[in-house]
Amino acid sequence: MDRLKERIAVYNYANPSDVLYLVTDKNVYLPSETIWFAAYIIEPVAKKDSTTRPGILSVALLRADTSGISIRKNYLIKNWTSEGSFTLPARILRMERDNRPCF
């Protein structure tokens, strides 16, 4: 197990990636409510000397049946943070287990 942890650590150091923390104002939302959020991007130590920085945060609300995107908005990232909001549609279909729409 220690060898696996070591190999993962070596891979992560060689292939650093940013970590995104997204914080919302609530846990549960109803139709027509506004979701307020803040995003914090943590840059890994191995990438500190990089000149590339993320500039756009793309936020999407996906349909439960994976047939597409209900809402997508882009937000500017400045100083490794971003914030924003989007309003849920007034009517959101929820799918039952047998794929019948439920209102």
C-alpha atoms as a PDB file:
ATOM      1  CA  MET A   1       0.000   0.000   0.000  1.00  0.00           C
ATOM      2  CA  ASP A   2       2.886   2.390   0.746  1.00  0.00           C
ATOM      3  CA  ARG A   3       4.258   1.808  -2.749  1.00  0.00           C
ATOM      4  CA  LEU A   4       0.889   2.736  -4.263  1.00  0.00           C
ATOM      5  CA  LYS A   5       0.727   5.939  -2.184  1.00  0.00           C
ATOM      6  CA  GLU A   6       4.241   6.804  -3.303  1.00  0.00           C
ATOM      7  CA  ARG A   7       3.388   6.255  -6.974  1.00  0.00           C
ATOM      8  CA  ILE A   8       0.259   8.408  -6.654  1.00  0.00           C
ATOM      9  CA  ALA A   9       2.283  11.189  -4.993  1.00  0.00           C
ATOM     10  CA  VAL A  10       4.883  11.069  -7.800  1.00  0.00           C
ATOM     11  CA  TYR A  11       2.121  11.214 -10.435  1.00  0.00           C
ATOM     12  CA  ASN A  12       0.383  14.144  -8.724  1.00  0.00           C
ATOM     13  CA  TYR A  13       3.668  16.047  -8.488  1.00  0.00           C
ATOM     14  CA  ALA A  14       4.433  15.442 -12.175  1.00  0.00           C
ATOM     15  CA  ASN A  15       0.853  16.279 -13.256  1.00  0.00           C
ATOM     16  CA  PRO A  16      -0.386  19.012 -10.931  1.00  0.00           C
ATOM     17  CA  SER A  17      -3.953  20.209 -11.239  1.00  0.00           C
ATOM     18  CA  ASP A  18      -5.933  22.964  -9.589  1.00  0.00           C
ATOM     19  CA  VAL A  19      -8.482  22.185  -6.890  1.00  0.00           C
ATOM     20  CA  LEU A  20     -11.811  24.011  -6.926  1.00  0.00           C
ATOM     21  CA  TYR A  21     -13.808  24.646  -3.754  1.00  0.00           C
ATOM     22  CA  LEU A  22     -17.352  25.821  -4.424  1.00  0.00           C
ATOM     23  CA  VAL A  23     -19.443  27.169  -1.547  1.00  0.00           C
ATOM     24  CA  THR A  24     -23.175  27.848  -1.856  1.00  0.00           C
ATOM     25  CA  ASP A  25     -25.504  29.790   0.415  1.00  0.00           C
ATOM     26  CA  LYS A  26     -27.795  26.783   1.070  1.00  0.00           C
ATOM     27  CA  ASN A  27     -27.898  23.003   0.679  1.00  0.00           C
ATOM     28  CA  VAL A  28     -31.325  22.635  -0.944  1.00  0.00           C
ATOM     29  CA  TYR A  29     -33.015  24.848  -3.541  1.00  0.00           C
ATOM     30  CA  LEU A  30     -36.540  25.057  -4.919  1.00  0.00           C
ATOM     31  CA  PRO A  31     -37.591  26.116  -8.417  1.00  0.00           C
ATOM     32  CA  SER A  32     -37.254  29.890  -9.024  1.00  0.00           C
ATOM     33  CA  GLU A  33     -34.731  30.305  -6.198  1.00  0.00           C
ATOM     34  CA  THR A  34     -31.367  31.940  -6.741  1.00  0.00           C
ATOM     35  CA  ILE A  35     -28.189  29.988  -6.037  1.00  0.00           C
ATOM     36  CA  TRP A  36     -25.425  32.244  -4.697  1.00  0.00           C
ATOM     37  CA  PHE A  37     -21.906  30.835  -4.710  1.00  0.00           C
ATOM     38  CA  ALA A  38     -18.246  31.600  -4.161  1.00  0.00           C
ATOM     39  CA  ALA A  39     -15.445  29.633  -5.800  1.00  0.00           C
ATOM     40  CA  TYR A  40     -11.876  29.320  -4.572  1.00  0.00           C
ATOM     41  CA  ILE A  41      -9.163  27.789  -6.726  1.00  0.00           C
ATOM     42  CA  ILE A  42      -6.227  26.276  -4.862  1.00  0.00           C
ATOM     43  CA  GLU A  43      -3.089  26.035  -6.960  1.00  0.00           C
ATOM     44  CA  PRO A  44      -0.805  23.097  -6.141  1.00  0.00           C
ATOM     45  CA  VAL A  45       2.710  23.827  -4.877  1.00  0.00           C
ATOM     46  CA  ALA A  46       4.293  22.076  -7.874  1.00  0.00           C
ATOM     47  CA  LYS A  47       2.574  24.551 -10.208  1.00  0.00           C
ATOM     48  CA  LYS A  48       3.429  27.830  -8.401  1.00  0.00           C
ATOM     49  CA  ASP A  49       5.888  28.921 -11.087  1.00  0.00           C
ATOM     50  CA  SER A  50       3.354  28.447 -13.865  1.00  0.00           C
ATOM     51  CA  THR A  51       2.379  31.459 -15.958  1.00  0.00           C
ATOM     52  CA  THR A  52      -0.971  29.946 -16.938  1.00  0.00           C
ATOM     53  CA  ARG A  53      -3.873  30.862 -14.724  1.00  0.00           C
ATOM     54  CA  PRO A  54      -7.547  29.952 -15.006  1.00  0.00           C
ATOM     55  CA  GLY A  55      -9.618  32.887 -16.241  1.00  0.00           C
ATOM     56  CA  ILE A  56     -13.173  31.608 -16.610  1.00  0.00           C
ATOM     57  CA  LEU A  57     -15.298  29.499 -14.261  1.00  0.00           C
ATOM     58  CA  SER A  58     -18.070  27.685 -16.108  1.00  0.00           C
ATOM     59  CA  VAL A  59     -21.029  26.654 -13.928  1.00  0.00           C
ATOM     60  CA  ALA A  60     -23.689  24.314 -15.282  1.00  0.00           C
ATOM     61  CA  LEU A  61     -26.871  22.731 -13.987  1.00  0.00           C
ATOM     62  CA  LEU A  62     -27.114  19.275 -15.536  1.00  0.00           C
ATOM     63  CA  ARG A  63     -30.302  17.333 -16.106  1.00  0.00           C
ATOM     64  CA  ALA A  64     -30.689  14.220 -13.974  1.00  0.00           C
ATOM     65  CA  ASP A  65     -31.263  12.057 -17.047  1.00  0.00           C
ATOM     66  CA  THR A  66     -27.916  13.278 -18.504  1.00  0.00           C
ATOM     67  CA  SER A  67     -29.658  14.464 -21.660  1.00  0.00           C
ATOM     68  CA  GLY A  68     -28.089  17.894 -21.510  1.00  0.00           C
ATOM     69  CA  ILE A  69     -27.560  21.134 -19.671  1.00  0.00           C
ATOM     70  CA  SER A  70     -30.414  23.153 -18.173  1.00  0.00           C
ATOM     71  CA  ILE A  71     -28.370  26.258 -17.319  1.00  0.00           C
ATOM     72  CA  ARG A  72     -24.789  27.268 -18.092  1.00  0.00           C
ATOM     73  CA  LYS A  73     -23.087  30.537 -17.170  1.00  0.00           C
ATOM     74  CA  ASN A  74     -19.488  31.713 -17.215  1.00  0.00           C
ATOM     75  CA  TYR A  75     -17.897  33.837 -14.495  1.00  0.00           C
ATOM     76  CA  LEU A  76     -14.621  35.744 -14.411  1.00  0.00           C
ATOM     77  CA  ILE A  77     -11.916  34.392 -12.097  1.00  0.00           C
ATOM     78  CA  LYS A  78      -9.804  37.090 -10.446  1.00  0.00           C
ATOM     79  CA  ASN A  79      -7.089  36.465  -7.839  1.00  0.00           C
ATOM     80  CA  TRP A  80      -7.987  32.754  -7.800  1.00  0.00           C
ATOM     81  CA  THR A  81     -11.577  33.458  -6.701  1.00  0.00           C
ATOM     82  CA  SER A  82     -14.944  33.924  -8.345  1.00  0.00           C
ATOM     83  CA  GLU A  83     -18.471  34.557  -7.182  1.00  0.00           C
ATOM     84  CA  GLY A  84     -21.883  34.777  -8.707  1.00  0.00           C
ATOM     85  CA  SER A  85     -25.435  33.553  -8.823  1.00  0.00           C
ATOM     86  CA  PHE A  86     -28.002  32.049 -11.125  1.00  0.00           C
ATOM     87  CA  THR A  87     -31.735  31.552 -10.787  1.00  0.00           C
ATOM     88  CA  LEU A  88     -33.276  28.137 -11.200  1.00  0.00           C
ATOM     89  CA  PRO A  89     -36.075  27.743 -13.740  1.00  0.00           C
ATOM     90  CA  ALA A  90     -39.627  28.056 -12.410  1.00  0.00           C
ATOM     91  CA  ARG A  91     -40.384  24.508 -13.478  1.00  0.00           C
ATOM     92  CA  ILE A  92     -37.895  21.699 -13.088  1.00  0.00           C
ATOM     93  CA  LEU A  93     -38.856  18.195 -14.127  1.00  0.00           C
ATOM     94  CA  ARG A  94     -37.840  15.403 -11.825  1.00  0.00           C
ATOM     95  CA  MET A  95     -37.593  11.934 -13.315  1.00  0.00           C
ATOM     96  CA  GLU A  96     -38.913   8.885 -11.510  1.00  0.00           C
ATOM     97  CA  ARG A  97     -37.018   5.591 -11.600  1.00  0.00           C
ATOM     98  CA  ASP A  98     -39.032   4.413 -14.592  1.00  0.00           C
ATOM     99  CA  ASN A  99     -38.151   7.634 -16.500  1.00  0.00           C
ATOM    100  CA  ARG A 100     -41.644   9.135 -16.218  1.00  0.00           C
ATOM    101  CA  PRO A 101     -41.639  12.890 -15.512  1.00  0.00           C
ATOM    102  CA  CYS A 102     -42.851  13.954 -12.071  1.00  0.00           C
ATOM    103  CA  PHE A 103     -43.953  17.527 -11.341  1.00  0.00           C
END
